[in-house]
Amino acid sequence: MENSQPVIRPVRLCDTEAVLALAVKGGDGLTNLPPQHDAIASRIAAAVEAMDDADARERGAAIMLVAELCGEIVATGMIFARVGAEWPFYSYRITRQSAVSRALGRAKAQRLLNLVNDFDGETEVGGLFVDPARRGLALGRLMARSRYMFIAQHRDWFGARVMAELRGYQDGNGRSPVWDALGRHFYDMEFHEADRTGAIQGNQFIADLGPRYPIYISMLPEAAQAALGRPHDDGRAAHAMLLDEGFRDDGYVDIFDGGPTLVAPIDAVRTVRACRRCTLAHIGETAPGGAQAALVGSGSGGDFRVAAGQVHIDDDGHAAIARTLAAALSLGEGDAITIAPD
């Protein structure tokens, strides 16, 4: 029987066509899931392998989660256990440089863009996409928090920090002011072509052709300066969710469109800290009085599952949930579960 509530689970090889159909709806904005059959199939195969193979995770294979609702794949989310393994992970970091002229009695501060590899070996969350036809069901938040529950459940798979790149601002014509002012002059290609190249072939071309020295931000057009660190209009909700989880802006921006890169110590992420392991002691027709809204997780690796519902936890750490939630997660009394309060 198909579940009538969304369940987050790891992707399977048999999901290839469904994920491809979802990626097509994302278009050029979904760089971690380019809408090409071979690329999707390769990523899913690597994600399945990463569940059981530590070497695959160390090589940079992404863990892919999907949201399944009524038998359909309606959202995706990804966790890159260790970025920078297969090819260097590049960012710009905005720094400040001050200069003083005693002869003129004048001081001047400049902001600079510096090409850095500060996140090599760290963890990245990305690839969050919800079927436009299913928006309004809080699937984005469910998927985002489920990724952090997965990290908490498999803590030794991941680095000390987690980061997230957000799409940068584009104007009314769909153009990136940062790319037009900066990247286009180094790579001689349009923004979406560069983004696709990086997603499919890796970022070595960035080092090969990119700037060798820091760039003075004041020399960029005003539109590009204003766009640095500004998320795409479609990404403002994701930006707010990251801040709510404890991510912060440390001055990193995307090398292509200048979108913000937010970072947090993994163990300080709100959902990671909130995770509590319990024993499922009772399954009833409804959740008991005093139950609270929470995410409920079960299993590990390829058997990992998350769904949202009402949970009652007593002083001894015993949990009680409704039968519908237990059925969605294939749970029985006595099973170990993880709870993340809402």
C-alpha atoms as a PDB file:
ATOM      1  CA  MET A   1       0.000   0.000   0.000  1.00  0.00           C
ATOM      2  CA  GLU A   2       1.387   3.407  -0.972  1.00  0.00           C
ATOM      3  CA  ASN A   3       2.053   5.909   1.800  1.00  0.00           C
ATOM      4  CA  SER A   4      -0.065   9.060   1.722  1.00  0.00           C
ATOM      5  CA  GLN A   5       2.592  11.051   3.589  1.00  0.00           C
ATOM      6  CA  PRO A   6       6.081  11.849   2.333  1.00  0.00           C
ATOM      7  CA  VAL A   7       8.910   9.579   3.416  1.00  0.00           C
ATOM      8  CA  ILE A   8      12.575  10.444   2.962  1.00  0.00           C
ATOM      9  CA  ARG A   9      14.811   7.537   1.948  1.00  0.00           C
ATOM     10  CA  PRO A  10      18.069   6.895   0.073  1.00  0.00           C
ATOM     11  CA  VAL A  11      17.851   6.776  -3.705  1.00  0.00           C
ATOM     12  CA  ARG A  12      17.732   3.392  -5.476  1.00  0.00           C
ATOM     13  CA  LEU A  13      18.925   2.328  -8.907  1.00  0.00           C
ATOM     14  CA  CYS A  14      15.300   1.856  -9.975  1.00  0.00           C
ATOM     15  CA  ASP A  15      14.650   5.570  -9.302  1.00  0.00           C
ATOM     16  CA  THR A  16      16.742   6.726 -12.276  1.00  0.00           C
ATOM     17  CA  GLU A  17      13.875   7.626 -14.616  1.00  0.00           C
ATOM     18  CA  ALA A  18      11.879   9.336 -11.860  1.00  0.00           C
ATOM     19  CA  VAL A  19      14.858  11.418 -10.733  1.00  0.00           C
ATOM     20  CA  LEU A  20      15.623  12.320 -14.347  1.00  0.00           C
ATOM     21  CA  ALA A  21      12.045  13.546 -14.814  1.00  0.00           C
ATOM     22  CA  LEU A  22      12.435  15.682 -11.698  1.00  0.00           C
ATOM     23  CA  ALA A  23      15.797  17.033 -12.891  1.00  0.00           C
ATOM     24  CA  VAL A  24      14.235  18.084 -16.205  1.00  0.00           C
ATOM     25  CA  LYS A  25      11.790  20.231 -14.237  1.00  0.00           C
ATOM     26  CA  GLY A  26      14.741  21.869 -12.453  1.00  0.00           C
ATOM     27  CA  GLY A  27      16.415  22.890 -15.719  1.00  0.00           C
ATOM     28  CA  ASP A  28      19.692  24.794 -15.610  1.00  0.00           C
ATOM     29  CA  GLY A  29      19.221  25.779 -11.976  1.00  0.00           C
ATOM     30  CA  LEU A  30      19.866  22.240 -10.691  1.00  0.00           C
ATOM     31  CA  THR A  31      23.576  21.833 -11.331  1.00  0.00           C
ATOM     32  CA  ASN A  32      24.067  18.840  -9.014  1.00  0.00           C
ATOM     33  CA  LEU A  33      21.456  16.929 -11.031  1.00  0.00           C
ATOM     34  CA  PRO A  34      21.988  17.869 -14.686  1.00  0.00           C
ATOM     35  CA  PRO A  35      18.989  16.732 -16.765  1.00  0.00           C
ATOM     36  CA  GLN A  36      20.929  14.118 -18.747  1.00  0.00           C
ATOM     37  CA  HIS A  37      20.226  10.401 -18.450  1.00  0.00           C
ATOM     38  CA  ASP A  38      23.841   9.238 -18.265  1.00  0.00           C
ATOM     39  CA  ALA A  39      24.741  11.892 -15.691  1.00  0.00           C
ATOM     40  CA  ILE A  40      21.746  11.029 -13.493  1.00  0.00           C
ATOM     41  CA  ALA A  41      22.362   7.278 -13.782  1.00  0.00           C
ATOM     42  CA  SER A  42      26.030   7.752 -12.878  1.00  0.00           C
ATOM     43  CA  ARG A  43      25.207   9.871  -9.828  1.00  0.00           C
ATOM     44  CA  ILE A  44      22.600   7.428  -8.579  1.00  0.00           C
ATOM     45  CA  ALA A  45      24.950   4.460  -9.031  1.00  0.00           C
ATOM     46  CA  ALA A  46      27.649   6.325  -7.092  1.00  0.00           C
ATOM     47  CA  ALA A  47      25.165   7.272  -4.366  1.00  0.00           C
ATOM     48  CA  VAL A  48      24.056   3.655  -3.925  1.00  0.00           C
ATOM     49  CA  GLU A  49      27.694   2.554  -3.742  1.00  0.00           C
ATOM     50  CA  ALA A  50      28.488   5.271  -1.190  1.00  0.00           C
ATOM     51  CA  MET A  51      26.015   3.764   1.272  1.00  0.00           C
ATOM     52  CA  ASP A  52      28.228   0.706   1.740  1.00  0.00           C
ATOM     53  CA  ASP A  53      31.682   1.832   0.600  1.00  0.00           C
ATOM     54  CA  ALA A  54      33.740   4.258   2.700  1.00  0.00           C
ATOM     55  CA  ASP A  55      36.253   4.627  -0.135  1.00  0.00           C
ATOM     56  CA  ALA A  56      33.479   5.832  -2.447  1.00  0.00           C
ATOM     57  CA  ARG A  57      32.500   8.470   0.104  1.00  0.00           C
ATOM     58  CA  GLU A  58      36.124   9.558   0.501  1.00  0.00           C
ATOM     59  CA  ARG A  59      36.372   9.874  -3.287  1.00  0.00           C
ATOM     60  CA  GLY A  60      33.574  12.417  -3.169  1.00  0.00           C
ATOM     61  CA  ALA A  61      30.515  10.340  -4.090  1.00  0.00           C
ATOM     62  CA  ALA A  62      27.344  12.087  -2.985  1.00  0.00           C
ATOM     63  CA  ILE A  63      24.698  10.498  -0.810  1.00  0.00           C
ATOM     64  CA  MET A  64      21.339  11.140  -2.444  1.00  0.00           C
ATOM     65  CA  LEU A  65      18.038  11.165  -0.586  1.00  0.00           C
ATOM     66  CA  VAL A  66      14.619  11.313  -2.207  1.00  0.00           C
ATOM     67  CA  ALA A  67      11.138  12.131  -0.925  1.00  0.00           C
ATOM     68  CA  GLU A  68       8.553   9.550  -1.928  1.00  0.00           C
ATOM     69  CA  LEU A  69       4.868  10.473  -1.820  1.00  0.00           C
ATOM     70  CA  CYS A  70       2.120   8.154  -3.050  1.00  0.00           C
ATOM     71  CA  GLY A  71       4.709   6.159  -4.988  1.00  0.00           C
ATOM     72  CA  GLU A  72       6.203   9.210  -6.739  1.00  0.00           C
ATOM     73  CA  ILE A  73       9.619  10.832  -6.281  1.00  0.00           C
ATOM     74  CA  VAL A  74       8.785  14.446  -5.444  1.00  0.00           C
ATOM     75  CA  ALA A  75      12.031  15.885  -4.032  1.00  0.00           C
ATOM     76  CA  THR A  76      15.766  15.278  -3.860  1.00  0.00           C
ATOM     77  CA  GLY A  77      18.556  16.239  -1.497  1.00  0.00           C
ATOM     78  CA  MET A  78      22.267  15.429  -1.480  1.00  0.00           C
ATOM     79  CA  ILE A  79      25.137  15.189   0.992  1.00  0.00           C
ATOM     80  CA  PHE A  80      28.719  15.279  -0.260  1.00  0.00           C
ATOM     81  CA  ALA A  81      30.652  13.548   2.517  1.00  0.00           C
ATOM     82  CA  ARG A  82      34.059  14.975   1.553  1.00  0.00           C
ATOM     83  CA  VAL A  83      34.344  17.721  -1.054  1.00  0.00           C
ATOM     84  CA  GLY A  84      37.581  18.333  -2.916  1.00  0.00           C
ATOM     85  CA  ALA A  85      38.502  14.642  -3.178  1.00  0.00           C
ATOM     86  CA  GLU A  86      38.070  14.105  -6.922  1.00  0.00           C
ATOM     87  CA  TRP A  87      38.959  17.664  -7.904  1.00  0.00           C
ATOM     88  CA  PRO A  88      39.695  20.824  -5.879  1.00  0.00           C
ATOM     89  CA  PHE A  89      36.703  22.678  -4.488  1.00  0.00           C
ATOM     90  CA  TYR A  90      37.027  26.373  -5.292  1.00  0.00           C
ATOM     91  CA  SER A  91      35.345  29.349  -3.672  1.00  0.00           C
ATOM     92  CA  TYR A  92      35.947  33.051  -3.504  1.00  0.00           C
ATOM     93  CA  ARG A  93      36.464  34.465  -0.042  1.00  0.00           C
ATOM     94  CA  ILE A  94      35.855  38.147   0.527  1.00  0.00           C
ATOM     95  CA  THR A  95      38.610  39.690   2.624  1.00  0.00           C
ATOM     96  CA  ARG A  96      39.351  43.229   3.707  1.00  0.00           C
ATOM     97  CA  GLN A  97      42.639  45.047   3.136  1.00  0.00           C
ATOM     98  CA  SER A  98      43.448  48.421   4.670  1.00  0.00           C
ATOM     99  CA  ALA A  99      46.079  50.915   3.548  1.00  0.00           C
ATOM    100  CA  VAL A 100      47.213  54.204   5.088  1.00  0.00           C
ATOM    101  CA  SER A 101      49.044  57.128   3.477  1.00  0.00           C
ATOM    102  CA  ARG A 102      50.701  59.309   6.088  1.00  0.00           C
ATOM    103  CA  ALA A 103      51.633  61.824   3.389  1.00  0.00           C
ATOM    104  CA  LEU A 104      47.960  62.321   2.469  1.00  0.00           C
ATOM    105  CA  GLY A 105      46.597  61.659   5.929  1.00  0.00           C
ATOM    106  CA  ARG A 106      44.191  59.208   4.391  1.00  0.00           C
ATOM    107  CA  ALA A 107      43.170  55.610   5.073  1.00  0.00           C
ATOM    108  CA  LYS A 108      41.398  53.363   2.608  1.00  0.00           C
ATOM    109  CA  ALA A 109      39.908  49.895   3.010  1.00  0.00           C
ATOM    110  CA  GLN A 110      39.302  47.617   0.047  1.00  0.00           C
ATOM    111  CA  ARG A 111      37.388  44.357  -0.256  1.00  0.00           C
ATOM    112  CA  LEU A 112      39.062  41.627  -2.299  1.00  0.00           C
ATOM    113  CA  LEU A 113      37.965  38.350  -3.862  1.00  0.00           C
ATOM    114  CA  ASN A 114      40.468  35.566  -3.159  1.00  0.00           C
ATOM    115  CA  LEU A 115      40.294  32.156  -4.875  1.00  0.00           C
ATOM    116  CA  VAL A 116      40.564  29.544  -2.093  1.00  0.00           C
ATOM    117  CA  ASN A 117      40.247  25.804  -1.362  1.00  0.00           C
ATOM    118  CA  ASP A 118      39.160  26.242   2.253  1.00  0.00           C
ATOM    119  CA  PHE A 119      36.478  23.528   2.144  1.00  0.00           C
ATOM    120  CA  ASP A 120      38.522  20.601   0.831  1.00  0.00           C
ATOM    121  CA  GLY A 121      37.780  17.610   3.073  1.00  0.00           C
ATOM    122  CA  GLU A 122      34.620  19.148   4.527  1.00  0.00           C
ATOM    123  CA  THR A 123      30.978  18.156   3.986  1.00  0.00           C
ATOM    124  CA  GLU A 124      28.513  19.860   1.656  1.00  0.00           C
ATOM    125  CA  VAL A 125      24.721  19.729   1.500  1.00  0.00           C
ATOM    126  CA  GLY A 126      23.131  20.535  -1.843  1.00  0.00           C
ATOM    127  CA  GLY A 127      20.927  19.224  -4.624  1.00  0.00           C
ATOM    128  CA  LEU A 128      17.730  20.239  -2.815  1.00  0.00           C
ATOM    129  CA  PHE A 129      14.877  20.362  -5.302  1.00  0.00           C
ATOM    130  CA  VAL A 130      11.127  19.970  -4.877  1.00  0.00           C
ATOM    131  CA  ASP A 131       8.738  19.163  -7.714  1.00  0.00           C
ATOM    132  CA  PRO A 132       7.058  22.514  -8.489  1.00  0.00           C
ATOM    133  CA  ALA A 133       3.693  20.734  -8.526  1.00  0.00           C
ATOM    134  CA  ARG A 134       4.246  19.610  -4.925  1.00  0.00           C
ATOM    135  CA  ARG A 135       5.332  22.896  -3.388  1.00  0.00           C
ATOM    136  CA  GLY A 136       3.384  24.087  -0.375  1.00  0.00           C
ATOM    137  CA  LEU A 137       3.747  20.731   1.419  1.00  0.00           C
ATOM    138  CA  ALA A 138       6.880  21.754   3.387  1.00  0.00           C
ATOM    139  CA  LEU A 139       8.880  19.135   1.482  1.00  0.00           C
ATOM    140  CA  GLY A 140      11.921  21.407   1.233  1.00  0.00           C
ATOM    141  CA  ARG A 141      12.201  21.754   4.998  1.00  0.00           C
ATOM    142  CA  LEU A 142      11.537  18.038   5.501  1.00  0.00           C
ATOM    143  CA  MET A 143      14.297  17.111   3.060  1.00  0.00           C
ATOM    144  CA  ALA A 144      16.753  19.666   4.446  1.00  0.00           C
ATOM    145  CA  ARG A 145      16.320  18.502   8.040  1.00  0.00           C
ATOM    146  CA  SER A 146      16.379  14.831   7.009  1.00  0.00           C
ATOM    147  CA  ARG A 147      19.865  15.368   5.598  1.00  0.00           C
ATOM    148  CA  TYR A 148      21.040  16.602   8.995  1.00  0.00           C
ATOM    149  CA  MET A 149      19.400  13.608  10.670  1.00  0.00           C
ATOM    150  CA  PHE A 150      21.288  11.348   8.264  1.00  0.00           C
ATOM    151  CA  ILE A 151      24.524  13.117   9.180  1.00  0.00           C
ATOM    152  CA  ALA A 152      23.792  12.700  12.898  1.00  0.00           C
ATOM    153  CA  GLN A 153      23.011   8.999  12.387  1.00  0.00           C
ATOM    154  CA  HIS A 154      26.297   8.441  10.482  1.00  0.00           C
ATOM    155  CA  ARG A 155      28.485  11.065  12.142  1.00  0.00           C
ATOM    156  CA  ASP A 156      31.848   9.433  11.419  1.00  0.00           C
ATOM    157  CA  TRP A 157      31.189   9.575   7.664  1.00  0.00           C
ATOM    158  CA  PHE A 158      31.458  13.356   7.610  1.00  0.00           C
ATOM    159  CA  GLY A 159      33.888  16.200   8.266  1.00  0.00           C
ATOM    160  CA  ALA A 160      34.096  18.798  11.010  1.00  0.00           C
ATOM    161  CA  ARG A 161      32.162  21.437   9.067  1.00  0.00           C
ATOM    162  CA  VAL A 162      29.256  21.459   6.658  1.00  0.00           C
ATOM    163  CA  MET A 163      28.724  24.071   3.971  1.00  0.00           C
ATOM    164  CA  ALA A 164      26.018  24.930   1.476  1.00  0.00           C
ATOM    165  CA  GLU A 165      26.298  26.883  -1.771  1.00  0.00           C
ATOM    166  CA  LEU A 166      23.234  28.839  -2.838  1.00  0.00           C
ATOM    167  CA  ARG A 167      22.415  30.029  -6.347  1.00  0.00           C
ATOM    168  CA  GLY A 168      23.409  33.631  -6.840  1.00  0.00           C
ATOM    169  CA  TYR A 169      21.262  36.567  -7.846  1.00  0.00           C
ATOM    170  CA  GLN A 170      20.140  36.911 -11.470  1.00  0.00           C
ATOM    171  CA  ASP A 171      18.555  39.965 -13.018  1.00  0.00           C
ATOM    172  CA  GLY A 172      15.204  40.139 -14.782  1.00  0.00           C
ATOM    173  CA  ASN A 173      16.788  38.779 -17.954  1.00  0.00           C
ATOM    174  CA  GLY A 174      18.167  35.726 -16.170  1.00  0.00           C
ATOM    175  CA  ARG A 175      21.748  36.969 -16.302  1.00  0.00           C
ATOM    176  CA  SER A 176      24.281  36.798 -13.488  1.00  0.00           C
ATOM    177  CA  PRO A 177      25.904  40.220 -12.920  1.00  0.00           C
ATOM    178  CA  VAL A 178      28.874  38.554 -11.207  1.00  0.00           C
ATOM    179  CA  TRP A 179      29.524  36.166 -14.072  1.00  0.00           C
ATOM    180  CA  ASP A 180      29.139  38.878 -16.696  1.00  0.00           C
ATOM    181  CA  ALA A 181      31.580  41.142 -14.849  1.00  0.00           C
ATOM    182  CA  LEU A 182      34.125  38.513 -13.895  1.00  0.00           C
ATOM    183  CA  GLY A 183      33.925  34.877 -14.951  1.00  0.00           C
ATOM    184  CA  ARG A 184      33.042  35.495 -18.585  1.00  0.00           C
ATOM    185  CA  HIS A 185      36.351  37.305 -19.131  1.00  0.00           C
ATOM    186  CA  PHE A 186      38.373  34.321 -17.914  1.00  0.00           C
ATOM    187  CA  TYR A 187      36.454  31.391 -19.375  1.00  0.00           C
ATOM    188  CA  ASP A 188      34.938  32.723 -22.612  1.00  0.00           C
ATOM    189  CA  MET A 189      31.618  30.955 -22.108  1.00  0.00           C
ATOM    190  CA  GLU A 190      28.136  31.763 -20.905  1.00  0.00           C
ATOM    191  CA  PHE A 191      27.230  31.269 -17.260  1.00  0.00           C
ATOM    192  CA  HIS A 192      25.000  28.192 -17.667  1.00  0.00           C
ATOM    193  CA  GLU A 193      27.611  26.487 -19.863  1.00  0.00           C
ATOM    194  CA  ALA A 194      30.277  27.037 -17.202  1.00  0.00           C
ATOM    195  CA  ASP A 195      27.961  25.797 -14.463  1.00  0.00           C
ATOM    196  CA  ARG A 196      27.122  22.625 -16.410  1.00  0.00           C
ATOM    197  CA  THR A 197      30.795  22.031 -17.217  1.00  0.00           C
ATOM    198  CA  GLY A 198      31.708  22.230 -13.555  1.00  0.00           C
ATOM    199  CA  ALA A 199      28.885  19.890 -12.534  1.00  0.00           C
ATOM    200  CA  ILE A 200      29.664  17.217 -15.128  1.00  0.00           C
ATOM    201  CA  GLN A 201      33.414  17.466 -15.796  1.00  0.00           C
ATOM    202  CA  GLY A 202      34.746  18.934 -12.568  1.00  0.00           C
ATOM    203  CA  ASN A 203      36.347  22.239 -11.724  1.00  0.00           C
ATOM    204  CA  GLN A 204      39.912  21.808 -12.945  1.00  0.00           C
ATOM    205  CA  PHE A 205      39.229  24.350 -15.696  1.00  0.00           C
ATOM    206  CA  ILE A 206      38.710  26.947 -12.961  1.00  0.00           C
ATOM    207  CA  ALA A 207      42.304  26.556 -11.811  1.00  0.00           C
ATOM    208  CA  ASP A 208      43.577  26.304 -15.383  1.00  0.00           C
ATOM    209  CA  LEU A 209      41.991  29.533 -16.635  1.00  0.00           C
ATOM    210  CA  GLY A 210      40.918  31.432 -13.523  1.00  0.00           C
ATOM    211  CA  PRO A 211      42.391  34.527 -11.875  1.00  0.00           C
ATOM    212  CA  ARG A 212      45.851  34.133 -10.353  1.00  0.00           C
ATOM    213  CA  TYR A 213      45.635  37.156  -8.070  1.00  0.00           C
ATOM    214  CA  PRO A 214      43.051  38.720  -5.731  1.00  0.00           C
ATOM    215  CA  ILE A 215      40.417  40.888  -7.407  1.00  0.00           C
ATOM    216  CA  TYR A 216      39.504  44.323  -6.057  1.00  0.00           C
ATOM    217  CA  ILE A 217      35.736  44.333  -5.686  1.00  0.00           C
ATOM    218  CA  SER A 218      35.564  48.111  -6.122  1.00  0.00           C
ATOM    219  CA  MET A 219      36.729  47.643  -9.727  1.00  0.00           C
ATOM    220  CA  LEU A 220      33.671  45.551 -10.605  1.00  0.00           C
ATOM    221  CA  PRO A 221      30.478  47.184 -11.919  1.00  0.00           C
ATOM    222  CA  GLU A 222      28.070  48.265  -9.198  1.00  0.00           C
ATOM    223  CA  ALA A 223      25.543  45.606 -10.221  1.00  0.00           C
ATOM    224  CA  ALA A 224      28.134  42.877  -9.677  1.00  0.00           C
ATOM    225  CA  GLN A 225      29.227  44.342  -6.349  1.00  0.00           C
ATOM    226  CA  ALA A 226      25.628  44.397  -5.134  1.00  0.00           C
ATOM    227  CA  ALA A 227      25.066  40.797  -6.265  1.00  0.00           C
ATOM    228  CA  LEU A 228      28.002  39.309  -4.331  1.00  0.00           C
ATOM    229  CA  GLY A 229      26.642  37.162  -1.517  1.00  0.00           C
ATOM    230  CA  ARG A 230      23.025  37.724  -2.578  1.00  0.00           C
ATOM    231  CA  PRO A 231      20.940  34.573  -3.095  1.00  0.00           C
ATOM    232  CA  HIS A 232      18.733  33.988  -6.117  1.00  0.00           C
ATOM    233  CA  ASP A 233      15.150  35.037  -5.469  1.00  0.00           C
ATOM    234  CA  ASP A 234      14.130  31.360  -5.625  1.00  0.00           C
ATOM    235  CA  GLY A 235      16.718  30.537  -2.951  1.00  0.00           C
ATOM    236  CA  ARG A 236      15.675  32.975  -0.243  1.00  0.00           C
ATOM    237  CA  ALA A 237      13.650  30.361   1.641  1.00  0.00           C
ATOM    238  CA  ALA A 238      16.585  27.925   1.554  1.00  0.00           C
ATOM    239  CA  HIS A 239      18.876  30.720   2.771  1.00  0.00           C
ATOM    240  CA  ALA A 240      16.552  31.378   5.715  1.00  0.00           C
ATOM    241  CA  MET A 241      16.374  27.657   6.582  1.00  0.00           C
ATOM    242  CA  LEU A 242      20.166  27.418   6.658  1.00  0.00           C
ATOM    243  CA  LEU A 243      20.456  30.415   8.963  1.00  0.00           C
ATOM    244  CA  ASP A 244      17.785  28.885  11.207  1.00  0.00           C
ATOM    245  CA  GLU A 245      19.882  25.710  11.431  1.00  0.00           C
ATOM    246  CA  GLY A 246      22.890  27.731  12.611  1.00  0.00           C
ATOM    247  CA  PHE A 247      24.794  28.229   9.357  1.00  0.00           C
ATOM    248  CA  ARG A 248      26.596  31.554   9.043  1.00  0.00           C
ATOM    249  CA  ASP A 249      28.083  33.784   6.400  1.00  0.00           C
ATOM    250  CA  ASP A 250      31.888  33.741   6.662  1.00  0.00           C
ATOM    251  CA  GLY A 251      32.449  35.759   3.501  1.00  0.00           C
ATOM    252  CA  TYR A 252      32.554  32.885   0.991  1.00  0.00           C
ATOM    253  CA  VAL A 253      30.788  33.205  -2.364  1.00  0.00           C
ATOM    254  CA  ASP A 254      30.339  30.972  -5.379  1.00  0.00           C
ATOM    255  CA  ILE A 255      32.985  31.279  -8.078  1.00  0.00           C
ATOM    256  CA  PHE A 256      30.426  31.411 -10.890  1.00  0.00           C
ATOM    257  CA  ASP A 257      27.532  33.613  -9.793  1.00  0.00           C
ATOM    258  CA  GLY A 258      28.696  35.059  -6.456  1.00  0.00           C
ATOM    259  CA  GLY A 259      25.918  33.337  -4.511  1.00  0.00           C
ATOM    260  CA  PRO A 260      26.445  32.995  -0.755  1.00  0.00           C
ATOM    261  CA  THR A 261      28.214  29.971   0.704  1.00  0.00           C
ATOM    262  CA  LEU A 262      27.117  29.365   4.291  1.00  0.00           C
ATOM    263  CA  VAL A 263      29.031  27.211   6.769  1.00  0.00           C
ATOM    264  CA  ALA A 264      28.554  25.648  10.207  1.00  0.00           C
ATOM    265  CA  PRO A 265      30.354  23.214  12.517  1.00  0.00           C
ATOM    266  CA  ILE A 266      28.394  19.995  11.999  1.00  0.00           C
ATOM    267  CA  ASP A 267      27.931  19.384  15.705  1.00  0.00           C
ATOM    268  CA  ALA A 268      26.443  22.883  16.090  1.00  0.00           C
ATOM    269  CA  VAL A 269      23.729  22.396  13.443  1.00  0.00           C
ATOM    270  CA  ARG A 270      20.376  22.693  15.213  1.00  0.00           C
ATOM    271  CA  THR A 271      18.835  19.465  13.911  1.00  0.00           C
ATOM    272  CA  VAL A 272      22.029  17.483  14.530  1.00  0.00           C
ATOM    273  CA  ARG A 273      22.107  18.703  18.138  1.00  0.00           C
ATOM    274  CA  ALA A 274      18.401  18.016  18.607  1.00  0.00           C
ATOM    275  CA  CYS A 275      18.519  14.361  17.525  1.00  0.00           C
ATOM    276  CA  ARG A 276      17.581  11.987  20.336  1.00  0.00           C
ATOM    277  CA  ARG A 277      17.586   8.208  20.207  1.00  0.00           C
ATOM    278  CA  CYS A 278      14.588   6.457  21.714  1.00  0.00           C
ATOM    279  CA  THR A 279      12.820   3.124  21.838  1.00  0.00           C
ATOM    280  CA  LEU A 280       9.424   2.904  20.162  1.00  0.00           C
ATOM    281  CA  ALA A 281       7.358   1.516  23.023  1.00  0.00           C
ATOM    282  CA  HIS A 282       3.798   2.019  21.794  1.00  0.00           C
ATOM    283  CA  ILE A 283       1.941   2.298  18.489  1.00  0.00           C
ATOM    284  CA  GLY A 284      -1.666   3.479  18.740  1.00  0.00           C
ATOM    285  CA  GLU A 285      -4.460   4.589  16.468  1.00  0.00           C
ATOM    286  CA  THR A 286      -3.424   8.163  17.286  1.00  0.00           C
ATOM    287  CA  ALA A 287      -0.497   9.734  19.096  1.00  0.00           C
ATOM    288  CA  PRO A 288      -1.088  10.101  22.870  1.00  0.00           C
ATOM    289  CA  GLY A 289      -2.009  13.416  24.454  1.00  0.00           C
ATOM    290  CA  GLY A 290       0.954  15.700  24.970  1.00  0.00           C
ATOM    291  CA  ALA A 291       2.641  14.532  21.770  1.00  0.00           C
ATOM    292  CA  GLN A 292       4.864  17.021  19.953  1.00  0.00           C
ATOM    293  CA  ALA A 293       5.609  17.591  16.282  1.00  0.00           C
ATOM    294  CA  ALA A 294       8.887  15.968  15.289  1.00  0.00           C
ATOM    295  CA  LEU A 295      10.789  14.182  12.581  1.00  0.00           C
ATOM    296  CA  VAL A 296      11.094  10.457  13.206  1.00  0.00           C
ATOM    297  CA  GLY A 297      14.025   8.576  11.721  1.00  0.00           C
ATOM    298  CA  SER A 298      14.736   4.865  11.550  1.00  0.00           C
ATOM    299  CA  GLY A 299      17.382   2.570  10.141  1.00  0.00           C
ATOM    300  CA  SER A 300      20.823   3.371   8.793  1.00  0.00           C
ATOM    301  CA  GLY A 301      22.602   3.296   5.460  1.00  0.00           C
ATOM    302  CA  GLY A 302      20.289   2.141   2.696  1.00  0.00           C
ATOM    303  CA  ASP A 303      17.522   1.443   5.224  1.00  0.00           C
ATOM    304  CA  PHE A 304      17.436   5.029   6.540  1.00  0.00           C
ATOM    305  CA  ARG A 305      13.948   6.580   6.622  1.00  0.00           C
ATOM    306  CA  VAL A 306      12.437   9.835   7.915  1.00  0.00           C
ATOM    307  CA  ALA A 307       8.855  11.074   8.165  1.00  0.00           C
ATOM    308  CA  ALA A 308       7.140  13.846  10.097  1.00  0.00           C
ATOM    309  CA  GLY A 309       4.515  13.244  12.754  1.00  0.00           C
ATOM    310  CA  GLN A 310       3.425  13.547  16.373  1.00  0.00           C
ATOM    311  CA  VAL A 311       5.553  11.812  19.015  1.00  0.00           C
ATOM    312  CA  HIS A 312       5.131  11.401  22.748  1.00  0.00           C
ATOM    313  CA  ILE A 313       8.294  10.640  24.758  1.00  0.00           C
ATOM    314  CA  ASP A 314       8.145   9.723  28.435  1.00  0.00           C
ATOM    315  CA  ASP A 315      10.800  10.367  31.074  1.00  0.00           C
ATOM    316  CA  ASP A 316      12.418   6.992  30.384  1.00  0.00           C
ATOM    317  CA  GLY A 317      12.987   7.758  26.702  1.00  0.00           C
ATOM    318  CA  HIS A 318      10.145   5.567  25.467  1.00  0.00           C
ATOM    319  CA  ALA A 319       8.260   6.912  22.452  1.00  0.00           C
ATOM    320  CA  ALA A 320       4.680   6.500  21.277  1.00  0.00           C
ATOM    321  CA  ILE A 321       3.419   7.303  17.771  1.00  0.00           C
ATOM    322  CA  ALA A 322       0.339   6.798  15.613  1.00  0.00           C
ATOM    323  CA  ARG A 323      -0.122   3.690  13.498  1.00  0.00           C
ATOM    324  CA  THR A 324      -0.033   5.659  10.234  1.00  0.00           C
ATOM    325  CA  LEU A 325       3.426   7.046  11.015  1.00  0.00           C
ATOM    326  CA  ALA A 326       4.676   3.618  12.081  1.00  0.00           C
ATOM    327  CA  ALA A 327       3.387   2.128   8.830  1.00  0.00           C
ATOM    328  CA  ALA A 328       5.060   4.829   6.744  1.00  0.00           C
ATOM    329  CA  LEU A 329       8.411   3.927   8.324  1.00  0.00           C
ATOM    330  CA  SER A 330       7.751   0.153   8.621  1.00  0.00           C
ATOM    331  CA  LEU A 331       8.232   0.360  12.392  1.00  0.00           C
ATOM    332  CA  GLY A 332       7.212  -2.033  15.125  1.00  0.00           C
ATOM    333  CA  GLU A 333       7.127  -1.743  18.884  1.00  0.00           C
ATOM    334  CA  GLY A 334      10.596  -2.192  20.353  1.00  0.00           C
ATOM    335  CA  ASP A 335      12.394  -0.644  17.368  1.00  0.00           C
ATOM    336  CA  ALA A 336      15.074   1.994  17.871  1.00  0.00           C
ATOM    337  CA  ILE A 337      14.188   5.391  16.414  1.00  0.00           C
ATOM    338  CA  THR A 338      15.699   8.867  16.245  1.00  0.00           C
ATOM    339  CA  ILE A 339      13.602  11.910  17.109  1.00  0.00           C
ATOM    340  CA  ALA A 340      14.275  15.516  16.050  1.00  0.00           C
ATOM    341  CA  PRO A 341      11.667  17.847  17.594  1.00  0.00           C
ATOM    342  CA  ASP A 342      10.201  20.469  15.277  1.00  0.00           C
END
